[in-house]
């Protein structure tokens, strides 16, 4: 069973530097804990009812808001580079990792 961190750990996390280093598919990025508004944008972007153009715009907005400028640039450049190890699932994994920063929630189903 998943054990969430203690309340003290959660409180300490809330008062520390908001930027965190994340690594997805070998790409290291700096991301911050998203605001509730940013998470709302992501929820709308991942809705099956969102038109593709709106979905794209919202995903870009979510990532630009929650990654440093340098990290966002490196992500976009890696996505355009055919020699990069980035896959189709990398963007989804970056969004999932950023969306769950600072939470005690598991992001995958438990095997139990």
PDB file of N, CA and C in Angstrom:
ATOM      1  N   UNK A   1       0.841  -1.178   0.000  1.00  0.00           N
ATOM      2  CA  UNK A   1       0.000   0.000   0.000  1.00  0.00           C
ATOM      3  C   UNK A   1       0.885   1.240   0.000  1.00  0.00           C
ATOM      4  N   UNK A   2       0.418   2.293  -0.618  1.00  0.00           N
ATOM      5  CA  UNK A   2       1.165   3.552  -0.713  1.00  0.00           C
ATOM      6  C   UNK A   2       1.061   4.327   0.591  1.00  0.00           C
ATOM      7  N   UNK A   3       2.213   4.729   1.150  1.00  0.00           N
ATOM      8  CA  UNK A   3       2.247   5.547   2.362  1.00  0.00           C
ATOM      9  C   UNK A   3       2.565   6.987   1.991  1.00  0.00           C
ATOM     10  N   UNK A   4       1.629   7.903   2.161  1.00  0.00           N
ATOM     11  CA  UNK A   4       1.931   9.313   1.849  1.00  0.00           C
ATOM     12  C   UNK A   4       2.918   9.869   2.871  1.00  0.00           C
ATOM     13  N   UNK A   5       3.612  10.956   2.504  1.00  0.00           N
ATOM     14  CA  UNK A   5       4.548  11.552   3.453  1.00  0.00           C
ATOM     15  C   UNK A   5       3.798  12.155   4.639  1.00  0.00           C
ATOM     16  N   UNK A   6       4.535  12.372   5.728  1.00  0.00           N
ATOM     17  CA  UNK A   6       3.918  12.968   6.906  1.00  0.00           C
ATOM     18  C   UNK A   6       3.476  14.395   6.609  1.00  0.00           C
ATOM     19  N   UNK A   7       2.598  14.908   7.447  1.00  0.00           N
ATOM     20  CA  UNK A   7       2.140  16.291   7.279  1.00  0.00           C
ATOM     21  C   UNK A   7       3.292  17.275   7.351  1.00  0.00           C
ATOM     22  N   UNK A   8       4.300  16.996   8.188  1.00  0.00           N
ATOM     23  CA  UNK A   8       5.456  17.879   8.306  1.00  0.00           C
ATOM     24  C   UNK A   8       6.226  17.927   6.989  1.00  0.00           C
ATOM     25  N   UNK A   9       6.398  16.773   6.344  1.00  0.00           N
ATOM     26  CA  UNK A   9       7.093  16.749   5.055  1.00  0.00           C
ATOM     27  C   UNK A   9       6.322  17.558   4.013  1.00  0.00           C
ATOM     28  N   UNK A  10       4.995  17.426   4.015  1.00  0.00           N
ATOM     29  CA  UNK A  10       4.182  18.198   3.074  1.00  0.00           C
ATOM     30  C   UNK A  10       4.317  19.693   3.334  1.00  0.00           C
ATOM     31  N   UNK A  11       4.269  20.095   4.602  1.00  0.00           N
ATOM     32  CA  UNK A  11       4.399  21.504   4.954  1.00  0.00           C
ATOM     33  C   UNK A  11       5.772  22.039   4.566  1.00  0.00           C
ATOM     34  N   UNK A  12       6.804  21.285   4.865  1.00  0.00           N
ATOM     35  CA  UNK A  12       8.164  21.707   4.520  1.00  0.00           C
ATOM     36  C   UNK A  12       8.293  21.876   3.023  1.00  0.00           C
ATOM     37  N   UNK A  13       7.720  20.958   2.279  1.00  0.00           N
ATOM     38  CA  UNK A  13       7.773  21.039   0.816  1.00  0.00           C
ATOM     39  C   UNK A  13       7.122  22.330   0.313  1.00  0.00           C
ATOM     40  N   UNK A  14       6.019  22.718   0.943  1.00  0.00           N
ATOM     41  CA  UNK A  14       5.298  23.916   0.508  1.00  0.00           C
ATOM     42  C   UNK A  14       6.090  25.198   0.743  1.00  0.00           C
ATOM     43  N   UNK A  15       7.043  25.174   1.643  1.00  0.00           N
ATOM     44  CA  UNK A  15       7.776  26.394   1.972  1.00  0.00           C
ATOM     45  C   UNK A  15       9.180  26.435   1.367  1.00  0.00           C
ATOM     46  N   UNK A  16       9.527  25.458   0.547  1.00  0.00           N
ATOM     47  CA  UNK A  16      10.854  25.416  -0.056  1.00  0.00           C
ATOM     48  C   UNK A  16      10.828  25.988  -1.464  1.00  0.00           C
ATOM     49  N   UNK A  17      11.990  26.006  -2.094  1.00  0.00           N
ATOM     50  CA  UNK A  17      12.127  26.497  -3.461  1.00  0.00           C
ATOM     51  C   UNK A  17      11.112  25.803  -4.372  1.00  0.00           C
ATOM     52  N   UNK A  18      10.360  26.569  -5.149  1.00  0.00           N
ATOM     53  CA  UNK A  18       9.313  25.949  -5.968  1.00  0.00           C
ATOM     54  C   UNK A  18       9.849  25.192  -7.188  1.00  0.00           C
ATOM     55  N   UNK A  19      11.107  25.387  -7.552  1.00  0.00           N
ATOM     56  CA  UNK A  19      11.652  24.739  -8.747  1.00  0.00           C
ATOM     57  C   UNK A  19      12.276  23.399  -8.388  1.00  0.00           C
ATOM     58  N   UNK A  20      11.961  22.383  -9.183  1.00  0.00           N
ATOM     59  CA  UNK A  20      12.447  21.030  -8.971  1.00  0.00           C
ATOM     60  C   UNK A  20      13.097  20.533 -10.255  1.00  0.00           C
ATOM     61  N   UNK A  21      14.121  19.737 -10.120  1.00  0.00           N
ATOM     62  CA  UNK A  21      14.758  19.119 -11.273  1.00  0.00           C
ATOM     63  C   UNK A  21      14.051  17.796 -11.547  1.00  0.00           C
ATOM     64  N   UNK A  22      13.597  17.643 -12.782  1.00  0.00           N
ATOM     65  CA  UNK A  22      12.965  16.389 -13.196  1.00  0.00           C
ATOM     66  C   UNK A  22      13.736  15.853 -14.403  1.00  0.00           C
ATOM     67  N   UNK A  23      13.737  14.546 -14.562  1.00  0.00           N
ATOM     68  CA  UNK A  23      14.380  13.933 -15.724  1.00  0.00           C
ATOM     69  C   UNK A  23      13.388  12.968 -16.353  1.00  0.00           C
ATOM     70  N   UNK A  24      13.146  13.173 -17.632  1.00  0.00           N
ATOM     71  CA  UNK A  24      12.226  12.321 -18.384  1.00  0.00           C
ATOM     72  C   UNK A  24      12.928  11.932 -19.679  1.00  0.00           C
ATOM     73  N   UNK A  25      13.038  10.651 -19.921  1.00  0.00           N
ATOM     74  CA  UNK A  25      13.699  10.128 -21.134  1.00  0.00           C
ATOM     75  C   UNK A  25      15.071  10.754 -21.363  1.00  0.00           C
ATOM     76  N   UNK A  26      15.819  10.931 -20.293  1.00  0.00           N
ATOM     77  CA  UNK A  26      17.175  11.468 -20.393  1.00  0.00           C
ATOM     78  C   UNK A  26      17.249  12.981 -20.506  1.00  0.00           C
ATOM     79  N   UNK A  27      16.114  13.647 -20.528  1.00  0.00           N
ATOM     80  CA  UNK A  27      16.068  15.102 -20.632  1.00  0.00           C
ATOM     81  C   UNK A  27      15.832  15.686 -19.243  1.00  0.00           C
ATOM     82  N   UNK A  28      16.782  16.508 -18.775  1.00  0.00           N
ATOM     83  CA  UNK A  28      16.670  17.107 -17.447  1.00  0.00           C
ATOM     84  C   UNK A  28      16.064  18.495 -17.584  1.00  0.00           C
ATOM     85  N   UNK A  29      15.004  18.741 -16.821  1.00  0.00           N
ATOM     86  CA  UNK A  29      14.266  20.001 -16.883  1.00  0.00           C
ATOM     87  C   UNK A  29      14.049  20.547 -15.481  1.00  0.00           C
ATOM     88  N   UNK A  30      13.814  21.849 -15.402  1.00  0.00           N
ATOM     89  CA  UNK A  30      13.456  22.500 -14.142  1.00  0.00           C
ATOM     90  C   UNK A  30      11.972  22.844 -14.222  1.00  0.00           C
ATOM     91  N   UNK A  31      11.209  22.349 -13.250  1.00  0.00           N
ATOM     92  CA  UNK A  31       9.759  22.564 -13.247  1.00  0.00           C
ATOM     93  C   UNK A  31       9.315  23.001 -11.864  1.00  0.00           C
ATOM     94  N   UNK A  32       8.189  23.688 -11.826  1.00  0.00           N
ATOM     95  CA  UNK A  32       7.642  24.095 -10.523  1.00  0.00           C
ATOM     96  C   UNK A  32       6.320  23.389 -10.277  1.00  0.00           C
ATOM     97  N   UNK A  33       5.927  23.395  -9.021  1.00  0.00           N
ATOM     98  CA  UNK A  33       4.643  22.818  -8.648  1.00  0.00           C
ATOM     99  C   UNK A  33       3.552  23.663  -9.309  1.00  0.00           C
ATOM    100  N   UNK A  34       2.676  23.042 -10.081  1.00  0.00           N
ATOM    101  CA  UNK A  34       1.658  23.820 -10.784  1.00  0.00           C
ATOM    102  C   UNK A  34       0.581  24.370  -9.844  1.00  0.00           C
ATOM    103  N   UNK A  35       0.045  25.502 -10.213  1.00  0.00           N
ATOM    104  CA  UNK A  35      -1.052  26.103  -9.463  1.00  0.00           C
ATOM    105  C   UNK A  35      -2.351  25.365  -9.807  1.00  0.00           C
ATOM    106  N   UNK A  36      -3.375  25.530  -8.978  1.00  0.00           N
ATOM    107  CA  UNK A  36      -4.669  24.918  -9.332  1.00  0.00           C
ATOM    108  C   UNK A  36      -5.174  25.377 -10.698  1.00  0.00           C
ATOM    109  N   UNK A  37      -4.925  26.638 -11.055  1.00  0.00           N
ATOM    110  CA  UNK A  37      -5.368  27.136 -12.360  1.00  0.00           C
ATOM    111  C   UNK A  37      -4.646  26.392 -13.491  1.00  0.00           C
ATOM    112  N   UNK A  38      -3.339  26.176 -13.317  1.00  0.00           N
ATOM    113  CA  UNK A  38      -2.576  25.456 -14.334  1.00  0.00           C
ATOM    114  C   UNK A  38      -3.065  24.016 -14.462  1.00  0.00           C
ATOM    115  N   UNK A  39      -3.408  23.396 -13.332  1.00  0.00           N
ATOM    116  CA  UNK A  39      -3.927  22.032 -13.385  1.00  0.00           C
ATOM    117  C   UNK A  39      -5.288  21.984 -14.078  1.00  0.00           C
ATOM    118  N   UNK A  40      -6.081  23.053 -13.908  1.00  0.00           N
ATOM    119  CA  UNK A  40      -7.363  23.140 -14.618  1.00  0.00           C
ATOM    120  C   UNK A  40      -7.154  23.212 -16.119  1.00  0.00           C
ATOM    121  N   UNK A  41      -6.141  23.955 -16.540  1.00  0.00           N
ATOM    122  CA  UNK A  41      -5.806  24.051 -17.968  1.00  0.00           C
ATOM    123  C   UNK A  41      -5.412  22.675 -18.496  1.00  0.00           C
ATOM    124  N   UNK A  42      -4.585  21.960 -17.719  1.00  0.00           N
ATOM    125  CA  UNK A  42      -4.169  20.625 -18.142  1.00  0.00           C
ATOM    126  C   UNK A  42      -5.367  19.676 -18.218  1.00  0.00           C
ATOM    127  N   UNK A  43      -6.268  19.763 -17.256  1.00  0.00           N
ATOM    128  CA  UNK A  43      -7.456  18.901 -17.274  1.00  0.00           C
ATOM    129  C   UNK A  43      -8.301  19.163 -18.516  1.00  0.00           C
ATOM    130  N   UNK A  44      -8.476  20.429 -18.869  1.00  0.00           N
ATOM    131  CA  UNK A  44      -9.236  20.752 -20.077  1.00  0.00           C
ATOM    132  C   UNK A  44      -8.492  20.280 -21.322  1.00  0.00           C
ATOM    133  N   UNK A  45      -7.159  20.392 -21.315  1.00  0.00           N
ATOM    134  CA  UNK A  45      -6.362  19.989 -22.478  1.00  0.00           C
ATOM    135  C   UNK A  45      -6.423  18.491 -22.721  1.00  0.00           C
ATOM    136  N   UNK A  46      -6.586  17.722 -21.670  1.00  0.00           N
ATOM    137  CA  UNK A  46      -6.601  16.269 -21.825  1.00  0.00           C
ATOM    138  C   UNK A  46      -8.012  15.700 -21.969  1.00  0.00           C
ATOM    139  N   UNK A  47      -8.999  16.574 -22.017  1.00  0.00           N
ATOM    140  CA  UNK A  47     -10.380  16.129 -22.207  1.00  0.00           C
ATOM    141  C   UNK A  47     -10.574  15.640 -23.641  1.00  0.00           C
ATOM    142  N   UNK A  48     -11.300  14.548 -23.787  1.00  0.00           N
ATOM    143  CA  UNK A  48     -11.569  14.030 -25.133  1.00  0.00           C
ATOM    144  C   UNK A  48     -12.486  14.967 -25.926  1.00  0.00           C
ATOM    145  N   UNK A  49     -13.117  15.916 -25.231  1.00  0.00           N
ATOM    146  CA  UNK A  49     -14.022  16.846 -25.899  1.00  0.00           C
ATOM    147  C   UNK A  49     -13.315  18.106 -26.402  1.00  0.00           C
ATOM    148  N   UNK A  50     -12.054  18.282 -26.041  1.00  0.00           N
ATOM    149  CA  UNK A  50     -11.313  19.471 -26.471  1.00  0.00           C
ATOM    150  C   UNK A  50     -10.882  19.301 -27.929  1.00  0.00           C
ATOM    151  N   UNK A  51     -11.116  20.312 -28.758  1.00  0.00           N
ATOM    152  CA  UNK A  51     -10.648  20.239 -30.146  1.00  0.00           C
ATOM    153  C   UNK A  51      -9.117  20.164 -30.175  1.00  0.00           C
ATOM    154  N   UNK A  52      -8.542  19.475 -31.158  1.00  0.00           N
ATOM    155  CA  UNK A  52      -7.085  19.304 -31.211  1.00  0.00           C
ATOM    156  C   UNK A  52      -6.285  20.610 -31.132  1.00  0.00           C
ATOM    157  N   UNK A  53      -6.724  21.653 -31.816  1.00  0.00           N
ATOM    158  CA  UNK A  53      -5.978  22.920 -31.778  1.00  0.00           C
ATOM    159  C   UNK A  53      -5.988  23.515 -30.374  1.00  0.00           C
ATOM    160  N   UNK A  54      -7.136  23.458 -29.702  1.00  0.00           N
ATOM    161  CA  UNK A  54      -7.225  23.981 -28.339  1.00  0.00           C
ATOM    162  C   UNK A  54      -6.391  23.117 -27.398  1.00  0.00           C
ATOM    163  N   UNK A  55      -6.422  21.813 -27.600  1.00  0.00           N
ATOM    164  CA  UNK A  55      -5.642  20.890 -26.782  1.00  0.00           C
ATOM    165  C   UNK A  55      -4.155  21.243 -26.881  1.00  0.00           C
ATOM    166  N   UNK A  56      -3.681  21.444 -28.092  1.00  0.00           N
ATOM    167  CA  UNK A  56      -2.280  21.816 -28.313  1.00  0.00           C
ATOM    168  C   UNK A  56      -1.932  23.113 -27.600  1.00  0.00           C
ATOM    169  N   UNK A  57      -2.753  24.137 -27.774  1.00  0.00           N
ATOM    170  CA  UNK A  57      -2.493  25.442 -27.155  1.00  0.00           C
ATOM    171  C   UNK A  57      -2.455  25.348 -25.625  1.00  0.00           C
ATOM    172  N   UNK A  58      -3.354  24.577 -25.052  1.00  0.00           N
ATOM    173  CA  UNK A  58      -3.401  24.449 -23.590  1.00  0.00           C
ATOM    174  C   UNK A  58      -2.191  23.678 -23.053  1.00  0.00           C
ATOM    175  N   UNK A  59      -1.761  22.646 -23.773  1.00  0.00           N
ATOM    176  CA  UNK A  59      -0.578  21.896 -23.349  1.00  0.00           C
ATOM    177  C   UNK A  59       0.651  22.789 -23.390  1.00  0.00           C
ATOM    178  N   UNK A  60       0.800  23.544 -24.451  1.00  0.00           N
ATOM    179  CA  UNK A  60       1.931  24.482 -24.558  1.00  0.00           C
ATOM    180  C   UNK A  60       1.871  25.509 -23.438  1.00  0.00           C
ATOM    181  N   UNK A  61       0.690  26.045 -23.157  1.00  0.00           N
ATOM    182  CA  UNK A  61       0.539  27.024 -22.080  1.00  0.00           C
ATOM    183  C   UNK A  61       0.901  26.408 -20.729  1.00  0.00           C
ATOM    184  N   UNK A  62       0.435  25.189 -20.460  1.00  0.00           N
ATOM    185  CA  UNK A  62       0.735  24.517 -19.203  1.00  0.00           C
ATOM    186  C   UNK A  62       2.242  24.340 -19.034  1.00  0.00           C
ATOM    187  N   UNK A  63       2.907  23.871 -20.075  1.00  0.00           N
ATOM    188  CA  UNK A  63       4.343  23.631 -19.964  1.00  0.00           C
ATOM    189  C   UNK A  63       5.140  24.931 -19.876  1.00  0.00           C
ATOM    190  N   UNK A  64       4.767  25.936 -20.651  1.00  0.00           N
ATOM    191  CA  UNK A  64       5.474  27.224 -20.569  1.00  0.00           C
ATOM    192  C   UNK A  64       5.301  27.878 -19.205  1.00  0.00           C
ATOM    193  N   UNK A  65       4.167  27.662 -18.573  1.00  0.00           N
ATOM    194  CA  UNK A  65       3.904  28.248 -17.259  1.00  0.00           C
ATOM    195  C   UNK A  65       4.679  27.530 -16.156  1.00  0.00           C
ATOM    196  N   UNK A  66       4.915  26.233 -16.329  1.00  0.00           N
ATOM    197  CA  UNK A  66       5.463  25.440 -15.239  1.00  0.00           C
ATOM    198  C   UNK A  66       6.880  24.920 -15.453  1.00  0.00           C
ATOM    199  N   UNK A  67       7.489  25.246 -16.591  1.00  0.00           N
ATOM    200  CA  UNK A  67       8.901  24.953 -16.823  1.00  0.00           C
ATOM    201  C   UNK A  67       9.654  26.270 -16.902  1.00  0.00           C
ATOM    202  N   UNK A  68      10.937  26.256 -16.529  1.00  0.00           N
ATOM    203  CA  UNK A  68      11.732  27.465 -16.737  1.00  0.00           C
ATOM    204  C   UNK A  68      11.802  27.716 -18.244  1.00  0.00           C
ATOM    205  N   UNK A  69      12.106  28.940 -18.620  1.00  0.00           N
ATOM    206  CA  UNK A  69      12.191  29.272 -20.047  1.00  0.00           C
ATOM    207  C   UNK A  69      13.228  28.392 -20.749  1.00  0.00           C
ATOM    208  N   UNK A  70      14.376  28.194 -20.087  1.00  0.00           N
ATOM    209  CA  UNK A  70      15.433  27.362 -20.657  1.00  0.00           C
ATOM    210  C   UNK A  70      14.962  25.918 -20.821  1.00  0.00           C
ATOM    211  N   UNK A  71      14.243  25.394 -19.829  1.00  0.00           N
ATOM    212  CA  UNK A  71      13.760  24.017 -19.898  1.00  0.00           C
ATOM    213  C   UNK A  71      12.730  23.842 -21.009  1.00  0.00           C
ATOM    214  N   UNK A  72      11.829  24.787 -21.136  1.00  0.00           N
ATOM    215  CA  UNK A  72      10.821  24.707 -22.200  1.00  0.00           C
ATOM    216  C   UNK A  72      11.499  24.716 -23.569  1.00  0.00           C
ATOM    217  N   UNK A  73      12.495  25.574 -23.724  1.00  0.00           N
ATOM    218  CA  UNK A  73      13.226  25.646 -24.997  1.00  0.00           C
ATOM    219  C   UNK A  73      13.924  24.321 -25.283  1.00  0.00           C
ATOM    220  N   UNK A  74      14.588  23.746 -24.269  1.00  0.00           N
ATOM    221  CA  UNK A  74      15.279  22.466 -24.472  1.00  0.00           C
ATOM    222  C   UNK A  74      14.301  21.356 -24.822  1.00  0.00           C
ATOM    223  N   UNK A  75      13.123  21.367 -24.200  1.00  0.00           N
ATOM    224  CA  UNK A  75      12.107  20.352 -24.508  1.00  0.00           C
ATOM    225  C   UNK A  75      11.659  20.474 -25.952  1.00  0.00           C
ATOM    226  N   UNK A  76      11.328  21.683 -26.394  1.00  0.00           N
ATOM    227  CA  UNK A  76      10.853  21.869 -27.777  1.00  0.00           C
ATOM    228  C   UNK A  76      11.959  21.504 -28.773  1.00  0.00           C
ATOM    229  N   UNK A  77      13.209  21.910 -28.488  1.00  0.00           N
ATOM    230  CA  UNK A  77      14.317  21.590 -29.398  1.00  0.00           C
ATOM    231  C   UNK A  77      14.532  20.079 -29.471  1.00  0.00           C
ATOM    232  N   UNK A  78      14.449  19.399 -28.329  1.00  0.00           N
ATOM    233  CA  UNK A  78      14.630  17.939 -28.315  1.00  0.00           C
ATOM    234  C   UNK A  78      13.520  17.253 -29.102  1.00  0.00           C
ATOM    235  N   UNK A  79      12.308  17.777 -29.017  1.00  0.00           N
ATOM    236  CA  UNK A  79      11.192  17.174 -29.742  1.00  0.00           C
ATOM    237  C   UNK A  79      11.362  17.314 -31.254  1.00  0.00           C
ATOM    238  N   UNK A  80      12.060  18.375 -31.683  1.00  0.00           N
ATOM    239  CA  UNK A  80      12.265  18.612 -33.110  1.00  0.00           C
ATOM    240  C   UNK A  80      13.517  17.943 -33.656  1.00  0.00           C
ATOM    241  N   UNK A  81      14.390  17.467 -32.776  1.00  0.00           N
ATOM    242  CA  UNK A  81      15.660  16.871 -33.184  1.00  0.00           C
ATOM    243  C   UNK A  81      15.477  15.377 -33.449  1.00  0.00           C
ATOM    244  N   UNK A  82      15.651  14.934 -34.703  1.00  0.00           N
ATOM    245  CA  UNK A  82      15.457  13.511 -35.004  1.00  0.00           C
ATOM    246  C   UNK A  82      16.458  12.604 -34.278  1.00  0.00           C
ATOM    247  N   UNK A  83      17.599  13.133 -33.864  1.00  0.00           N
ATOM    248  CA  UNK A  83      18.609  12.330 -33.170  1.00  0.00           C
ATOM    249  C   UNK A  83      18.337  12.236 -31.667  1.00  0.00           C
ATOM    250  N   UNK A  84      17.350  12.969 -31.183  1.00  0.00           N
ATOM    251  CA  UNK A  84      17.033  12.992 -29.757  1.00  0.00           C
ATOM    252  C   UNK A  84      16.367  11.686 -29.323  1.00  0.00           C
ATOM    253  N   UNK A  85      16.593  11.263 -28.071  1.00  0.00           N
ATOM    254  CA  UNK A  85      15.935  10.048 -27.583  1.00  0.00           C
ATOM    255  C   UNK A  85      14.470  10.258 -27.201  1.00  0.00           C
ATOM    256  N   UNK A  86      13.955  11.446 -27.457  1.00  0.00           N
ATOM    257  CA  UNK A  86      12.571  11.771 -27.112  1.00  0.00           C
ATOM    258  C   UNK A  86      11.616  10.921 -27.951  1.00  0.00           C
ATOM    259  N   UNK A  87      10.581  10.397 -27.291  1.00  0.00           N
ATOM    260  CA  UNK A  87       9.579   9.582 -27.981  1.00  0.00           C
ATOM    261  C   UNK A  87       8.230  10.305 -27.953  1.00  0.00           C
ATOM    262  N   UNK A  88       7.244   9.695 -28.569  1.00  0.00           N
ATOM    263  CA  UNK A  88       5.898  10.285 -28.557  1.00  0.00           C
ATOM    264  C   UNK A  88       5.351  10.387 -27.145  1.00  0.00           C
ATOM    265  N   UNK A  89       5.729   9.466 -26.278  1.00  0.00           N
ATOM    266  CA  UNK A  89       5.230   9.460 -24.912  1.00  0.00           C
ATOM    267  C   UNK A  89       5.954  10.419 -23.979  1.00  0.00           C
ATOM    268  N   UNK A  90       7.046  11.017 -24.441  1.00  0.00           N
ATOM    269  CA  UNK A  90       7.830  11.903 -23.576  1.00  0.00           C
ATOM    270  C   UNK A  90       7.019  13.107 -23.116  1.00  0.00           C
ATOM    271  N   UNK A  91       6.302  13.741 -24.017  1.00  0.00           N
ATOM    272  CA  UNK A  91       5.519  14.917 -23.652  1.00  0.00           C
ATOM    273  C   UNK A  91       4.477  14.563 -22.599  1.00  0.00           C
ATOM    274  N   UNK A  92       3.808  13.426 -22.774  1.00  0.00           N
ATOM    275  CA  UNK A  92       2.833  12.977 -21.772  1.00  0.00           C
ATOM    276  C   UNK A  92       3.499  12.753 -20.421  1.00  0.00           C
ATOM    277  N   UNK A  93       4.676  12.154 -20.434  1.00  0.00           N
ATOM    278  CA  UNK A  93       5.380  11.871 -19.184  1.00  0.00           C
ATOM    279  C   UNK A  93       5.847  13.166 -18.521  1.00  0.00           C
ATOM    280  N   UNK A  94       6.291  14.158 -19.302  1.00  0.00           N
ATOM    281  CA  UNK A  94       6.669  15.460 -18.736  1.00  0.00           C
ATOM    282  C   UNK A  94       5.452  16.098 -18.081  1.00  0.00           C
ATOM    283  N   UNK A  95       4.315  16.089 -18.771  1.00  0.00           N
ATOM    284  CA  UNK A  95       3.103  16.684 -18.202  1.00  0.00           C
ATOM    285  C   UNK A  95       2.687  15.963 -16.921  1.00  0.00           C
ATOM    286  N   UNK A  96       2.733  14.631 -16.914  1.00  0.00           N
ATOM    287  CA  UNK A  96       2.368  13.847 -15.732  1.00  0.00           C
ATOM    288  C   UNK A  96       3.309  14.158 -14.572  1.00  0.00           C
ATOM    289  N   UNK A  97       4.600  14.229 -14.860  1.00  0.00           N
ATOM    290  CA  UNK A  97       5.585  14.498 -13.811  1.00  0.00           C
ATOM    291  C   UNK A  97       5.384  15.889 -13.227  1.00  0.00           C
ATOM    292  N   UNK A  98       5.186  16.878 -14.076  1.00  0.00           N
ATOM    293  CA  UNK A  98       4.968  18.250 -13.594  1.00  0.00           C
ATOM    294  C   UNK A  98       3.656  18.328 -12.815  1.00  0.00           C
ATOM    295  N   UNK A  99       2.612  17.718 -13.329  1.00  0.00           N
ATOM    296  CA  UNK A  99       1.295  17.794 -12.680  1.00  0.00           C
ATOM    297  C   UNK A  99       1.290  17.177 -11.292  1.00  0.00           C
ATOM    298  N   UNK A 100       2.174  16.227 -11.036  1.00  0.00           N
ATOM    299  CA  UNK A 100       2.172  15.561  -9.736  1.00  0.00           C
ATOM    300  C   UNK A 100       3.303  16.023  -8.826  1.00  0.00           C
ATOM    301  N   UNK A 101       4.056  17.042  -9.237  1.00  0.00           N
ATOM    302  CA  UNK A 101       5.096  17.585  -8.354  1.00  0.00           C
ATOM    303  C   UNK A 101       4.462  18.093  -7.070  1.00  0.00           C
ATOM    304  N   UNK A 102       5.072  17.773  -5.958  1.00  0.00           N
ATOM    305  CA  UNK A 102       4.589  18.281  -4.681  1.00  0.00           C
ATOM    306  C   UNK A 102       3.367  17.582  -4.139  1.00  0.00           C
ATOM    307  N   UNK A 103       2.995  16.454  -4.742  1.00  0.00           N
ATOM    308  CA  UNK A 103       1.842  15.721  -4.241  1.00  0.00           C
ATOM    309  C   UNK A 103       2.292  14.403  -3.647  1.00  0.00           C
ATOM    310  N   UNK A 104       1.445  13.828  -2.860  1.00  0.00           N
ATOM    311  CA  UNK A 104       1.724  12.512  -2.291  1.00  0.00           C
ATOM    312  C   UNK A 104       0.945  11.444  -3.050  1.00  0.00           C
ATOM    313  N   UNK A 105       0.341  11.840  -4.164  1.00  0.00           N
ATOM    314  CA  UNK A 105      -0.484  10.888  -4.908  1.00  0.00           C
ATOM    315  C   UNK A 105       0.376  10.017  -5.823  1.00  0.00           C
ATOM    316  N   UNK A 106       0.127   8.719  -5.819  1.00  0.00           N
ATOM    317  CA  UNK A 106       0.792   7.881  -6.827  1.00  0.00           C
ATOM    318  C   UNK A 106       0.165   8.162  -8.180  1.00  0.00           C
ATOM    319  N   UNK A 107       0.913   8.007  -9.252  1.00  0.00           N
ATOM    320  CA  UNK A 107       0.374   8.292 -10.567  1.00  0.00           C
ATOM    321  C   UNK A 107       0.105   7.033 -11.379  1.00  0.00           C
ATOM    322  N   UNK A 108       0.409   5.910 -10.828  1.00  0.00           N
ATOM    323  CA  UNK A 108       0.152   4.646 -11.499  1.00  0.00           C
ATOM    324  C   UNK A 108      -0.704   3.770 -10.589  1.00  0.00           C
ATOM    325  N   UNK A 109      -1.445   2.858 -11.169  1.00  0.00           N
ATOM    326  CA  UNK A 109      -2.242   1.931 -10.362  1.00  0.00           C
ATOM    327  C   UNK A 109      -1.325   1.016  -9.558  1.00  0.00           C
ATOM    328  N   UNK A 110      -1.749   0.742  -8.364  1.00  0.00           N
ATOM    329  CA  UNK A 110      -1.019  -0.193  -7.513  1.00  0.00           C
ATOM    330  C   UNK A 110      -1.181  -1.597  -8.064  1.00  0.00           C
ATOM    331  N   UNK A 111      -0.168  -2.419  -7.875  1.00  0.00           N
ATOM    332  CA  UNK A 111      -0.265  -3.805  -8.371  1.00  0.00           C
ATOM    333  C   UNK A 111      -1.061  -4.671  -7.408  1.00  0.00           C
ATOM    334  N   UNK A 112      -1.488  -4.123  -6.279  1.00  0.00           N
ATOM    335  CA  UNK A 112      -2.232  -4.898  -5.270  1.00  0.00           C
ATOM    336  C   UNK A 112      -3.709  -4.795  -5.490  1.00  0.00           C
TER     337      UNK A 112
END
